Amino acid sequence: MAQILVVDDSSTVRNEVGDFLTKNGMTVTLAVDGRDGLAKLKSDPSIKLVVCDVNMPNMDGLTMAEKARSELNNQGVNIIMLTTENSPAMKERGKAAGIKGWIVKPFKGDAVLATFKKLVGA
């Protein structure tokens, strides 16, 4: 059972974030896009945190977050966006979808590790 779901269409970013979190004691599941991420959220209720890109094929990260809240009625999972997007409109849409945080790439794991651990209750 995973604590953290990492959703990014870039295998480089997905693996970098996943490897960092695993090395720091987290249990991680990876997803290749929002559709895959939503399916994994549906199948694993132990996920406490989603770290998600915005721009992805098949389903973008904000749509995935919105569907997680509406279709899954999953208000408990914490969602953090990890993206190159930094527009106020995107952030507002994220806030409306219950996004807990917005991190602009590149990923700096040491800067967010304590926050991630807190969000998963570790």
Protein backbone atom coordinates (compact mmCIF):
# COMPACT_ATOMS: atom_id res chain seq x y z
CA MET A 1 0.00 0.00 0.00
CA ALA A 2 1.42 3.34 -1.07
CA GLN A 3 1.61 6.49 0.98
CA ILE A 4 2.48 8.72 -1.97
CA LEU A 5 1.37 8.69 -5.61
CA VAL A 6 3.70 10.46 -8.05
CA VAL A 7 1.97 11.40 -11.32
CA ASP A 8 4.07 12.79 -14.19
CA ASP A 9 4.28 11.99 -17.89
CA SER A 10 8.07 12.52 -17.79
CA SER A 11 9.71 9.27 -16.73
CA THR A 12 12.77 11.27 -15.64
CA VAL A 13 10.80 13.46 -13.22
CA ARG A 14 8.59 10.57 -12.09
CA ASN A 15 11.60 8.40 -11.26
CA GLU A 16 13.60 11.25 -9.68
CA VAL A 17 10.77 12.16 -7.31
CA GLY A 18 9.84 8.52 -6.63
CA ASP A 19 13.45 7.48 -5.93
CA PHE A 20 14.03 10.44 -3.60
CA LEU A 21 10.89 9.70 -1.59
CA THR A 22 11.63 5.96 -1.44
CA LYS A 23 15.18 6.64 -0.20
CA ASN A 24 13.63 8.77 2.52
CA GLY A 25 11.37 6.05 3.84
CA MET A 26 8.18 6.65 1.87
CA THR A 27 6.18 4.03 0.02
CA VAL A 28 5.59 5.28 -3.52
CA THR A 29 3.41 4.36 -6.49
CA LEU A 30 4.02 5.91 -9.92
CA ALA A 31 1.49 6.95 -12.58
CA VAL A 32 2.15 8.13 -16.15
CA ASP A 33 -0.72 10.63 -16.50
CA GLY A 34 -3.88 11.85 -14.80
CA ARG A 35 -6.01 8.95 -16.05
CA ASP A 36 -3.51 6.43 -14.65
CA GLY A 37 -3.23 8.45 -11.44
CA LEU A 38 -6.99 8.54 -10.93
CA ALA A 39 -7.21 4.77 -11.46
CA LYS A 40 -4.47 4.19 -8.89
CA LEU A 41 -6.19 6.51 -6.42
CA LYS A 42 -9.41 4.51 -6.90
CA SER A 43 -7.64 1.20 -6.28
CA ASP A 44 -5.46 2.19 -3.31
CA PRO A 45 -7.22 3.98 -0.44
CA SER A 46 -3.98 4.10 1.58
CA ILE A 47 -2.58 6.91 -0.60
CA LYS A 48 -2.28 10.01 1.57
CA LEU A 49 -0.42 12.35 -0.81
CA VAL A 50 -0.40 12.91 -4.57
CA VAL A 51 2.51 14.77 -6.17
CA CYS A 52 1.26 15.63 -9.64
CA ASP A 53 2.30 17.46 -12.81
CA VAL A 54 -0.23 19.73 -14.51
CA ASN A 55 0.44 19.29 -18.25
CA MET A 56 0.07 15.63 -19.26
CA PRO A 57 -1.58 13.71 -22.09
CA ASN A 58 -4.89 11.83 -21.64
CA MET A 59 -5.80 13.76 -18.47
CA ASP A 60 -4.04 16.77 -16.99
CA GLY A 61 -3.24 17.03 -13.30
CA LEU A 62 -5.86 19.63 -12.42
CA THR A 63 -8.62 17.56 -14.04
CA MET A 64 -7.34 14.52 -12.14
CA ALA A 65 -7.52 16.49 -8.86
CA GLU A 66 -11.04 17.70 -9.65
CA LYS A 67 -12.19 14.17 -10.47
CA ALA A 68 -10.55 12.79 -7.32
CA ARG A 69 -12.65 15.22 -5.31
CA SER A 70 -15.92 14.74 -7.23
CA GLU A 71 -15.96 11.16 -8.53
CA LEU A 72 -14.10 9.54 -5.67
CA ASN A 73 -15.42 11.94 -3.05
CA ASN A 74 -11.84 11.83 -1.83
CA GLN A 75 -11.46 14.94 0.27
CA GLY A 76 -8.84 13.35 2.52
CA VAL A 77 -5.98 12.88 0.09
CA ASN A 78 -3.51 15.76 -0.04
CA ILE A 79 -2.56 16.90 -3.55
CA ILE A 80 0.55 18.91 -4.38
CA MET A 81 1.21 20.12 -7.91
CA LEU A 82 4.81 19.83 -9.18
CA THR A 83 4.87 21.72 -12.45
CA THR A 84 6.46 24.34 -14.68
CA GLU A 85 3.10 26.18 -14.68
CA ASN A 86 2.98 29.24 -12.49
CA SER A 87 0.04 31.28 -13.79
CA PRO A 88 -2.41 32.79 -11.29
CA ALA A 89 -5.35 31.29 -13.24
CA MET A 90 -3.92 27.77 -12.94
CA LYS A 91 -3.24 28.27 -9.24
CA GLU A 92 -6.81 29.51 -8.69
CA ARG A 93 -8.20 26.45 -10.45
CA GLY A 94 -5.93 24.31 -8.27
CA LYS A 95 -7.10 26.04 -5.12
CA ALA A 96 -10.72 25.44 -6.11
CA ALA A 97 -9.87 21.73 -6.57
CA GLY A 98 -8.41 21.55 -3.08
CA ILE A 99 -4.74 21.55 -4.03
CA LYS A 100 -2.62 21.86 -0.87
CA GLY A 101 0.52 23.22 -2.52
CA TRP A 102 2.12 24.35 -5.75
CA ILE A 103 5.80 23.57 -6.39
CA VAL A 104 7.51 24.95 -9.48
CA LYS A 105 9.99 22.52 -11.07
CA PRO A 106 12.77 21.54 -10.70
CA PHE A 107 12.02 19.26 -7.76
CA LYS A 108 14.09 20.08 -4.69
CA GLY A 109 13.34 17.15 -2.41
CA ASP A 110 15.21 18.30 0.66
CA ALA A 111 13.16 21.51 0.72
CA VAL A 112 9.82 19.65 0.86
CA LEU A 113 10.63 16.39 2.62
CA ALA A 114 9.45 17.48 6.08
CA THR A 115 6.19 18.82 4.63
CA PHE A 116 5.58 15.61 2.66
CA LYS A 117 6.21 13.49 5.75
CA LYS A 118 3.77 15.62 7.73
CA LEU A 119 1.10 15.26 5.03
CA VAL A 120 1.34 11.45 5.07
CA GLY A 121 1.55 11.27 8.85
CA ALA A 122 5.08 9.86 8.92
